[in-house]
Amino acid sequence: MIGLAPGSDVLLGDRVVLVSRTPWTALGVARPVILRTLRPGAVISIGPDTGLSGATVCAATSVDIGARVLVGADVLISDTDFHPVDACPRRSAPESAAASARVSIGNDVFLGARAIVLKGVTIGEGTVVGAGSVVTSSLPDHVVAAGNPCRVLRPLRDTSPPTRADGHDA
């Protein structure tokens, strides 16, 4: 499902796969993929060869997902609090009164099932976020991170093929 606020955009790169049906993914999905912009000028951008399974992505400002990203079953990515934090007038205030900050997810990231990525977060290239994690602050490139709140557990091993002195694969 795609829901667009007037004057907003959802941009999908080549070969993006949106899995909204349980038979098409090992874990199944609790809901279809939801891509929703909330304010004029908001943008959701999803890079080429990226796949989302039952994920929800909401942007009041900007959510940028890189290339070759794997977004596991039922992940939630949002750049807004949806409501003001202060009690008065939380219930009656418009969504535009809520705080929002850009979310950026680098290339080759893997977000485990049911992870939550909150406003203002940048996830570095190649990083793996464990299932069920709540990402409240930015993560560097090439690490494994997990937990609530999410924290770095270890660096990823370099699995790139060795290269010769002339720059070619060994």
N, C-alpha and C. Protein backbone atom coordinates (compact mmCIF):
# COMPACT_ATOMS: atom_id res chain seq x y z
N MET A 1 0.83 -1.17 0.00
CA MET A 1 0.00 0.00 0.00
C MET A 1 0.88 1.24 0.00
N ILE A 2 0.58 2.17 -0.86
CA ILE A 2 1.31 3.44 -0.90
C ILE A 2 0.32 4.55 -0.63
N GLY A 3 0.62 5.37 0.36
CA GLY A 3 -0.19 6.54 0.68
C GLY A 3 0.66 7.78 0.59
N LEU A 4 0.23 8.73 -0.23
CA LEU A 4 1.03 9.94 -0.47
C LEU A 4 0.31 11.19 0.02
N ALA A 5 1.00 11.98 0.83
CA ALA A 5 0.51 13.32 1.15
C ALA A 5 0.66 14.16 -0.12
N PRO A 6 -0.19 15.17 -0.31
CA PRO A 6 -0.04 16.04 -1.49
C PRO A 6 1.38 16.62 -1.56
N GLY A 7 1.96 16.59 -2.75
CA GLY A 7 3.29 17.19 -2.95
C GLY A 7 4.43 16.37 -2.36
N SER A 8 4.23 15.09 -2.10
CA SER A 8 5.29 14.23 -1.57
C SER A 8 5.60 13.14 -2.60
N ASP A 9 6.66 12.36 -2.36
CA ASP A 9 7.08 11.36 -3.33
C ASP A 9 7.51 10.06 -2.68
N VAL A 10 7.29 8.96 -3.36
CA VAL A 10 7.90 7.67 -3.07
C VAL A 10 8.67 7.28 -4.32
N LEU A 11 9.97 7.08 -4.18
CA LEU A 11 10.86 6.78 -5.31
C LEU A 11 11.41 5.38 -5.13
N LEU A 12 11.16 4.51 -6.11
CA LEU A 12 11.62 3.12 -6.04
C LEU A 12 12.66 2.87 -7.12
N GLY A 13 13.82 2.33 -6.71
CA GLY A 13 14.86 2.00 -7.66
C GLY A 13 14.52 0.75 -8.45
N ASP A 14 15.35 0.44 -9.42
CA ASP A 14 15.15 -0.75 -10.24
C ASP A 14 15.21 -2.01 -9.38
N ARG A 15 14.34 -2.95 -9.68
CA ARG A 15 14.31 -4.28 -9.07
C ARG A 15 14.02 -4.26 -7.57
N VAL A 16 13.36 -3.23 -7.07
CA VAL A 16 12.90 -3.22 -5.68
C VAL A 16 11.81 -4.28 -5.56
N VAL A 17 11.85 -5.06 -4.47
CA VAL A 17 10.86 -6.11 -4.24
C VAL A 17 10.11 -5.78 -2.95
N LEU A 18 8.79 -5.70 -3.04
CA LEU A 18 7.94 -5.45 -1.89
C LEU A 18 7.10 -6.70 -1.66
N VAL A 19 7.37 -7.42 -0.57
CA VAL A 19 6.68 -8.68 -0.28
C VAL A 19 5.58 -8.42 0.73
N SER A 20 4.34 -8.60 0.29
CA SER A 20 3.18 -8.32 1.13
C SER A 20 2.36 -9.56 1.46
N ARG A 21 2.80 -10.73 0.99
CA ARG A 21 2.03 -11.95 1.21
C ARG A 21 2.89 -13.00 1.90
N THR A 22 2.33 -13.64 2.90
CA THR A 22 3.02 -14.62 3.71
C THR A 22 3.72 -15.73 2.92
N PRO A 23 3.12 -16.31 1.89
CA PRO A 23 3.80 -17.42 1.21
C PRO A 23 5.12 -17.04 0.54
N TRP A 24 5.37 -15.76 0.37
CA TRP A 24 6.54 -15.32 -0.38
C TRP A 24 7.76 -15.03 0.49
N THR A 25 7.67 -15.28 1.79
CA THR A 25 8.81 -15.03 2.67
C THR A 25 8.82 -16.07 3.78
N ALA A 26 10.00 -16.51 4.19
CA ALA A 26 10.14 -17.61 5.14
C ALA A 26 9.42 -17.35 6.47
N LEU A 27 9.51 -16.14 7.00
CA LEU A 27 8.88 -15.83 8.29
C LEU A 27 7.41 -15.46 8.18
N GLY A 28 6.95 -15.23 6.97
CA GLY A 28 5.60 -14.69 6.80
C GLY A 28 5.61 -13.21 7.14
N VAL A 29 4.48 -12.57 6.94
CA VAL A 29 4.35 -11.15 7.25
C VAL A 29 3.02 -10.92 7.95
N ALA A 30 3.00 -9.97 8.87
CA ALA A 30 1.77 -9.65 9.60
C ALA A 30 0.88 -8.68 8.84
N ARG A 31 1.47 -7.98 7.87
CA ARG A 31 0.72 -6.97 7.11
C ARG A 31 1.40 -6.76 5.77
N PRO A 32 0.69 -6.13 4.85
CA PRO A 32 1.36 -5.79 3.58
C PRO A 32 2.38 -4.68 3.80
N VAL A 33 3.28 -4.52 2.85
CA VAL A 33 4.22 -3.39 2.89
C VAL A 33 3.39 -2.10 2.83
N ILE A 34 3.76 -1.16 3.71
CA ILE A 34 3.10 0.15 3.75
C ILE A 34 4.18 1.21 3.55
N LEU A 35 4.03 2.03 2.52
CA LEU A 35 4.90 3.18 2.27
C LEU A 35 4.00 4.40 2.35
N ARG A 36 4.23 5.27 3.33
CA ARG A 36 3.32 6.39 3.53
C ARG A 36 4.10 7.67 3.82
N THR A 37 3.77 8.73 3.07
CA THR A 37 4.29 10.06 3.38
C THR A 37 3.20 10.82 4.11
N LEU A 38 3.62 11.68 5.04
CA LEU A 38 2.66 12.34 5.93
C LEU A 38 2.53 13.84 5.71
N ARG A 39 3.53 14.45 5.08
CA ARG A 39 3.52 15.90 4.90
C ARG A 39 3.93 16.25 3.47
N PRO A 40 3.50 17.42 2.99
CA PRO A 40 3.98 17.88 1.69
C PRO A 40 5.50 17.97 1.70
N GLY A 41 6.12 17.55 0.62
CA GLY A 41 7.58 17.60 0.52
C GLY A 41 8.28 16.38 1.08
N ALA A 42 7.57 15.50 1.78
CA ALA A 42 8.19 14.29 2.33
C ALA A 42 8.60 13.36 1.19
N VAL A 43 9.69 12.60 1.42
CA VAL A 43 10.19 11.69 0.39
C VAL A 43 10.60 10.37 1.03
N ILE A 44 10.16 9.29 0.44
CA ILE A 44 10.68 7.95 0.73
C ILE A 44 11.42 7.53 -0.52
N SER A 45 12.70 7.19 -0.37
CA SER A 45 13.53 6.77 -1.49
C SER A 45 14.11 5.39 -1.17
N ILE A 46 13.89 4.44 -2.07
CA ILE A 46 14.37 3.07 -1.87
C ILE A 46 15.25 2.71 -3.06
N GLY A 47 16.50 2.36 -2.78
CA GLY A 47 17.48 2.10 -3.83
C GLY A 47 17.29 0.78 -4.54
N PRO A 48 18.02 0.58 -5.63
CA PRO A 48 17.87 -0.61 -6.45
C PRO A 48 18.23 -1.90 -5.71
N ASP A 49 17.57 -2.99 -6.11
CA ASP A 49 17.84 -4.33 -5.60
C ASP A 49 17.57 -4.46 -4.10
N THR A 50 16.71 -3.61 -3.57
CA THR A 50 16.34 -3.65 -2.16
C THR A 50 15.03 -4.42 -2.01
N GLY A 51 14.91 -5.15 -0.90
CA GLY A 51 13.70 -5.92 -0.65
C GLY A 51 13.11 -5.62 0.71
N LEU A 52 11.79 -5.46 0.77
CA LEU A 52 11.07 -5.22 2.02
C LEU A 52 9.99 -6.28 2.16
N SER A 53 9.86 -6.87 3.34
CA SER A 53 8.83 -7.89 3.60
C SER A 53 7.91 -7.40 4.71
N GLY A 54 6.69 -7.04 4.36
CA GLY A 54 5.72 -6.62 5.36
C GLY A 54 6.15 -5.41 6.16
N ALA A 55 7.06 -4.62 5.64
CA ALA A 55 7.61 -3.46 6.36
C ALA A 55 6.67 -2.26 6.26
N THR A 56 6.79 -1.38 7.25
CA THR A 56 6.10 -0.09 7.22
C THR A 56 7.15 1.01 7.22
N VAL A 57 7.05 1.91 6.24
CA VAL A 57 7.96 3.05 6.15
C VAL A 57 7.11 4.31 6.11
N CYS A 58 7.27 5.18 7.12
CA CYS A 58 6.53 6.45 7.18
C CYS A 58 7.51 7.60 7.18
N ALA A 59 7.23 8.60 6.34
CA ALA A 59 8.10 9.77 6.26
C ALA A 59 7.29 11.05 6.39
N ALA A 60 7.65 11.86 7.38
CA ALA A 60 7.14 13.22 7.47
C ALA A 60 8.10 14.16 6.77
N THR A 61 9.38 13.77 6.73
CA THR A 61 10.42 14.56 6.08
C THR A 61 11.12 13.72 5.01
N SER A 62 11.95 12.74 5.46
CA SER A 62 12.72 11.95 4.50
C SER A 62 13.18 10.63 5.10
N VAL A 63 12.92 9.55 4.38
CA VAL A 63 13.50 8.24 4.67
C VAL A 63 14.21 7.79 3.41
N ASP A 64 15.52 7.57 3.53
CA ASP A 64 16.34 7.16 2.39
C ASP A 64 16.92 5.79 2.68
N ILE A 65 16.55 4.80 1.87
CA ILE A 65 17.04 3.43 2.02
C ILE A 65 17.91 3.14 0.82
N GLY A 66 19.14 2.69 1.07
CA GLY A 66 20.12 2.50 0.01
C GLY A 66 19.86 1.30 -0.88
N ALA A 67 20.88 0.93 -1.62
CA ALA A 67 20.82 -0.19 -2.57
C ALA A 67 21.14 -1.50 -1.87
N ARG A 68 20.54 -2.57 -2.35
CA ARG A 68 20.81 -3.93 -1.89
C ARG A 68 20.52 -4.11 -0.40
N VAL A 69 19.56 -3.38 0.12
CA VAL A 69 19.19 -3.48 1.54
C VAL A 69 18.15 -4.58 1.70
N LEU A 70 18.30 -5.38 2.76
CA LEU A 70 17.31 -6.39 3.12
C LEU A 70 16.55 -5.90 4.34
N VAL A 71 15.25 -5.70 4.18
CA VAL A 71 14.39 -5.23 5.28
C VAL A 71 13.51 -6.41 5.66
N GLY A 72 13.80 -7.00 6.82
CA GLY A 72 13.13 -8.21 7.27
C GLY A 72 11.66 -8.02 7.56
N ALA A 73 11.01 -9.14 7.86
CA ALA A 73 9.57 -9.17 8.09
C ALA A 73 9.13 -8.19 9.17
N ASP A 74 8.15 -7.36 8.81
CA ASP A 74 7.45 -6.47 9.74
C ASP A 74 8.33 -5.41 10.40
N VAL A 75 9.39 -4.99 9.73
CA VAL A 75 10.22 -3.89 10.21
C VAL A 75 9.43 -2.58 10.13
N LEU A 76 9.67 -1.68 11.07
CA LEU A 76 9.06 -0.34 11.08
C LEU A 76 10.17 0.70 10.99
N ILE A 77 10.05 1.60 10.01
CA ILE A 77 11.00 2.71 9.83
C ILE A 77 10.19 3.99 9.79
N SER A 78 10.52 4.94 10.69
CA SER A 78 9.77 6.19 10.74
C SER A 78 10.68 7.35 11.10
N ASP A 79 10.44 8.49 10.46
CA ASP A 79 11.24 9.69 10.75
C ASP A 79 10.48 10.69 11.62
N THR A 80 9.40 10.25 12.25
CA THR A 80 8.56 11.16 13.05
C THR A 80 8.08 10.49 14.33
N ASP A 81 7.75 11.31 15.31
CA ASP A 81 7.14 10.83 16.55
C ASP A 81 5.62 10.67 16.41
N PHE A 82 5.04 11.15 15.34
CA PHE A 82 3.60 11.09 15.03
C PHE A 82 2.75 12.02 15.89
N HIS A 83 3.13 12.24 17.13
CA HIS A 83 2.41 13.14 18.05
C HIS A 83 3.44 13.94 18.83
N PRO A 84 3.08 15.13 19.29
CA PRO A 84 3.99 15.84 20.18
C PRO A 84 4.24 15.02 21.44
N VAL A 85 5.41 15.16 22.02
CA VAL A 85 5.75 14.41 23.22
C VAL A 85 5.03 14.98 24.45
N ASP A 86 4.91 16.31 24.54
CA ASP A 86 4.24 16.93 25.69
C ASP A 86 2.77 16.51 25.75
N ALA A 87 2.27 16.28 26.95
CA ALA A 87 0.92 15.76 27.15
C ALA A 87 -0.16 16.68 26.58
N CYS A 88 0.05 17.97 26.73
CA CYS A 88 -0.97 18.91 26.26
C CYS A 88 -0.40 19.67 25.07
N PRO A 89 -0.92 19.63 23.94
CA PRO A 89 -2.17 19.04 23.47
C PRO A 89 -1.93 17.80 22.62
N ARG A 90 -1.24 16.81 23.13
CA ARG A 90 -0.83 15.65 22.34
C ARG A 90 -1.97 15.04 21.51
N ARG A 91 -3.10 14.82 22.14
CA ARG A 91 -4.18 14.11 21.45
C ARG A 91 -4.76 14.91 20.30
N SER A 92 -4.88 16.20 20.46
CA SER A 92 -5.55 17.00 19.44
C SER A 92 -4.61 17.73 18.49
N ALA A 93 -3.31 17.69 18.76
CA ALA A 93 -2.36 18.39 17.90
C ALA A 93 -2.23 17.68 16.55
N PRO A 94 -2.01 18.41 15.48
CA PRO A 94 -1.81 17.77 14.18
C PRO A 94 -0.47 17.03 14.13
N GLU A 95 -0.37 16.05 13.24
CA GLU A 95 0.88 15.30 13.09
C GLU A 95 2.04 16.24 12.81
N SER A 96 1.79 17.33 12.11
CA SER A 96 2.87 18.27 11.77
C SER A 96 3.50 18.92 13.00
N ALA A 97 2.84 18.83 14.15
CA ALA A 97 3.42 19.37 15.39
C ALA A 97 4.42 18.41 16.02
N ALA A 98 4.50 17.19 15.52
CA ALA A 98 5.42 16.19 16.05
C ALA A 98 6.83 16.43 15.53
N ALA A 99 7.81 16.07 16.34
CA ALA A 99 9.20 16.15 15.92
C ALA A 99 9.48 15.13 14.82
N SER A 100 10.32 15.52 13.87
CA SER A 100 10.74 14.59 12.83
C SER A 100 12.18 14.88 12.46
N ALA A 101 12.88 13.86 11.99
CA ALA A 101 14.27 14.01 11.56
C ALA A 101 14.58 12.90 10.57
N ARG A 102 15.32 13.22 9.56
CA ARG A 102 15.65 12.32 8.44
C ARG A 102 16.21 10.98 8.94
N VAL A 103 15.82 9.91 8.25
CA VAL A 103 16.38 8.58 8.46
C VAL A 103 17.15 8.21 7.19
N SER A 104 18.36 7.69 7.38
CA SER A 104 19.19 7.27 6.24
C SER A 104 19.75 5.88 6.52
N ILE A 105 19.50 4.96 5.61
CA ILE A 105 19.97 3.59 5.74
C ILE A 105 20.91 3.32 4.56
N GLY A 106 22.16 2.99 4.87
CA GLY A 106 23.19 2.83 3.83
C GLY A 106 23.00 1.60 2.97
N ASN A 107 23.83 1.49 1.97
CA ASN A 107 23.82 0.34 1.07
C ASN A 107 24.18 -0.94 1.81
N ASP A 108 23.61 -2.06 1.37
CA ASP A 108 23.97 -3.39 1.85
C ASP A 108 23.67 -3.62 3.33
N VAL A 109 22.73 -2.88 3.88
CA VAL A 109 22.30 -3.07 5.27
C VAL A 109 21.31 -4.22 5.33
N PHE A 110 21.29 -4.94 6.46
CA PHE A 110 20.30 -5.98 6.72
C PHE A 110 19.60 -5.63 8.03
N LEU A 111 18.29 -5.37 7.95
CA LEU A 111 17.48 -5.10 9.14
C LEU A 111 16.69 -6.35 9.46
N GLY A 112 16.96 -6.97 10.62
CA GLY A 112 16.29 -8.20 11.01
C GLY A 112 14.81 -7.98 11.28
N ALA A 113 14.07 -9.08 11.28
CA ALA A 113 12.62 -9.06 11.46
C ALA A 113 12.21 -8.24 12.67
N ARG A 114 11.17 -7.45 12.48
CA ARG A 114 10.51 -6.67 13.53
C ARG A 114 11.41 -5.63 14.21
N ALA A 115 12.51 -5.27 13.56
CA ALA A 115 13.32 -4.16 14.06
C ALA A 115 12.54 -2.87 13.88
N ILE A 116 12.88 -1.87 14.70
CA ILE A 116 12.26 -0.55 14.62
C ILE A 116 13.39 0.47 14.47
N VAL A 117 13.29 1.32 13.45
CA VAL A 117 14.27 2.38 13.21
C VAL A 117 13.55 3.71 13.40
N LEU A 118 14.01 4.51 14.36
CA LEU A 118 13.33 5.76 14.73
C LEU A 118 13.98 6.99 14.12
N LYS A 119 13.32 8.11 14.28
CA LYS A 119 13.71 9.37 13.65
C LYS A 119 15.16 9.75 13.96
N GLY A 120 15.78 10.38 12.95
CA GLY A 120 17.13 10.93 13.12
C GLY A 120 18.25 9.91 13.03
N VAL A 121 17.95 8.66 12.73
CA VAL A 121 18.95 7.60 12.71
C VAL A 121 19.60 7.49 11.33
N THR A 122 20.91 7.28 11.33
CA THR A 122 21.66 6.89 10.14
C THR A 122 22.27 5.53 10.44
N ILE A 123 22.06 4.58 9.53
CA ILE A 123 22.66 3.25 9.67
C ILE A 123 23.71 3.12 8.57
N GLY A 124 24.95 2.88 8.97
CA GLY A 124 26.07 2.84 8.04
C GLY A 124 26.03 1.66 7.10
N GLU A 125 26.78 1.76 6.03
CA GLU A 125 26.82 0.73 4.99
C GLU A 125 27.22 -0.62 5.55
N GLY A 126 26.55 -1.66 5.04
CA GLY A 126 26.90 -3.03 5.38
C GLY A 126 26.54 -3.48 6.78
N THR A 127 25.90 -2.64 7.56
CA THR A 127 25.58 -2.97 8.95
C THR A 127 24.42 -3.95 9.02
N VAL A 128 24.46 -4.84 10.03
CA VAL A 128 23.40 -5.79 10.31
C VAL A 128 22.76 -5.41 11.63
N VAL A 129 21.42 -5.26 11.62
CA VAL A 129 20.66 -4.94 12.83
C VAL A 129 19.85 -6.17 13.19
N GLY A 130 20.02 -6.65 14.42
CA GLY A 130 19.36 -7.87 14.87
C GLY A 130 17.86 -7.75 14.95
N ALA A 131 17.19 -8.89 14.83
CA ALA A 131 15.74 -8.95 14.91
C ALA A 131 15.24 -8.36 16.22
N GLY A 132 14.14 -7.61 16.14
CA GLY A 132 13.51 -7.05 17.32
C GLY A 132 14.22 -5.86 17.93
N SER A 133 15.28 -5.38 17.32
CA SER A 133 16.04 -4.25 17.86
C SER A 133 15.27 -2.96 17.70
N VAL A 134 15.53 -2.00 18.60
CA VAL A 134 14.97 -0.66 18.51
C VAL A 134 16.13 0.30 18.33
N VAL A 135 16.26 0.81 17.11
CA VAL A 135 17.39 1.66 16.75
C VAL A 135 17.02 3.11 17.04
N THR A 136 17.60 3.68 18.10
CA THR A 136 17.29 5.04 18.53
C THR A 136 18.41 6.03 18.24
N SER A 137 19.60 5.50 17.89
CA SER A 137 20.72 6.37 17.54
C SER A 137 21.50 5.74 16.40
N SER A 138 22.31 6.54 15.76
CA SER A 138 23.00 6.13 14.53
C SER A 138 24.00 5.01 14.78
N LEU A 139 24.22 4.20 13.74
CA LEU A 139 25.16 3.08 13.79
C LEU A 139 26.20 3.26 12.70
N PRO A 140 27.45 2.87 12.98
CA PRO A 140 28.52 3.03 11.98
C PRO A 140 28.43 1.97 10.88
N ASP A 141 29.32 2.08 9.91
CA ASP A 141 29.43 1.10 8.83
C ASP A 141 29.92 -0.24 9.37
N HIS A 142 29.47 -1.32 8.73
CA HIS A 142 30.03 -2.67 8.88
C HIS A 142 30.13 -3.16 10.32
N VAL A 143 29.00 -3.11 11.04
CA VAL A 143 28.95 -3.67 12.38
C VAL A 143 27.70 -4.54 12.51
N VAL A 144 27.70 -5.37 13.54
CA VAL A 144 26.50 -6.08 13.96
C VAL A 144 26.00 -5.35 15.20
N ALA A 145 24.73 -4.99 15.20
CA ALA A 145 24.14 -4.25 16.31
C ALA A 145 22.80 -4.88 16.65
N ALA A 146 22.43 -4.85 17.94
CA ALA A 146 21.15 -5.43 18.35
C ALA A 146 20.78 -4.91 19.72
N GLY A 147 19.52 -5.10 20.08
CA GLY A 147 19.04 -4.79 21.43
C GLY A 147 18.04 -3.67 21.46
N ASN A 148 17.58 -3.38 22.68
CA ASN A 148 16.64 -2.30 22.94
C ASN A 148 17.12 -1.56 24.19
N PRO A 149 17.78 -0.41 23.98
CA PRO A 149 18.10 0.21 22.69
C PRO A 149 19.22 -0.55 21.97
N CYS A 150 19.22 -0.42 20.67
CA CYS A 150 20.20 -1.08 19.83
C CYS A 150 21.60 -0.54 20.13
N ARG A 151 22.56 -1.46 20.21
CA ARG A 151 23.96 -1.04 20.43
C ARG A 151 24.87 -1.93 19.60
N VAL A 152 26.05 -1.45 19.30
CA VAL A 152 27.01 -2.20 18.50
C VAL A 152 27.52 -3.38 19.33
N LEU A 153 27.48 -4.58 18.73
CA LEU A 153 28.00 -5.78 19.39
C LEU A 153 29.40 -6.13 18.94
N ARG A 154 29.65 -5.95 17.62
CA ARG A 154 30.98 -6.27 17.09
C ARG A 154 31.11 -5.77 15.67
N PRO A 155 32.36 -5.62 15.20
CA PRO A 155 32.54 -5.29 13.78
C PRO A 155 32.28 -6.53 12.93
N LEU A 156 31.91 -6.31 11.69
CA LEU A 156 31.77 -7.41 10.74
C LEU A 156 33.14 -7.77 10.19
N ARG A 157 33.35 -9.06 9.96
CA ARG A 157 34.59 -9.50 9.33
C ARG A 157 34.59 -9.06 7.88
N ASP A 158 35.76 -8.76 7.36
CA ASP A 158 35.89 -8.41 5.95
C ASP A 158 35.79 -9.69 5.13
N THR A 159 34.74 -9.81 4.33
CA THR A 159 34.55 -11.01 3.51
C THR A 159 34.77 -10.72 2.03
N SER A 160 35.33 -9.55 1.73
CA SER A 160 35.58 -9.25 0.33
C SER A 160 36.73 -10.11 -0.18
N PRO A 161 36.71 -10.45 -1.47
CA PRO A 161 37.78 -11.30 -2.01
C PRO A 161 39.11 -10.57 -1.97
N PRO A 162 40.19 -11.29 -1.74
CA PRO A 162 41.51 -10.64 -1.73
C PRO A 162 41.83 -10.08 -3.10
N THR A 163 42.60 -9.02 -3.13
CA THR A 163 43.02 -8.43 -4.40
C THR A 163 44.54 -8.49 -4.52
N ARG A 164 44.98 -8.55 -5.76
CA ARG A 164 46.42 -8.57 -6.03
C ARG A 164 46.94 -7.13 -5.96
N ALA A 165 48.22 -6.99 -6.00
CA ALA A 165 48.85 -5.67 -5.94
C ALA A 165 48.39 -4.78 -7.09
N ASP A 166 48.00 -5.38 -8.23
CA ASP A 166 47.56 -4.58 -9.38
C ASP A 166 46.08 -4.20 -9.28
N GLY A 167 45.41 -4.57 -8.15
CA GLY A 167 44.01 -4.17 -7.95
C GLY A 167 42.99 -5.17 -8.44
N HIS A 168 43.43 -6.26 -9.07
CA HIS A 168 42.50 -7.27 -9.57
C HIS A 168 42.28 -8.35 -8.51
N ASP A 169 41.16 -9.06 -8.63
CA ASP A 169 40.90 -10.17 -7.72
C ASP A 169 42.00 -11.20 -7.81
N ALA A 170 42.33 -11.77 -6.65
CA ALA A 170 43.39 -12.80 -6.61
C ALA A 170 42.89 -14.12 -7.17
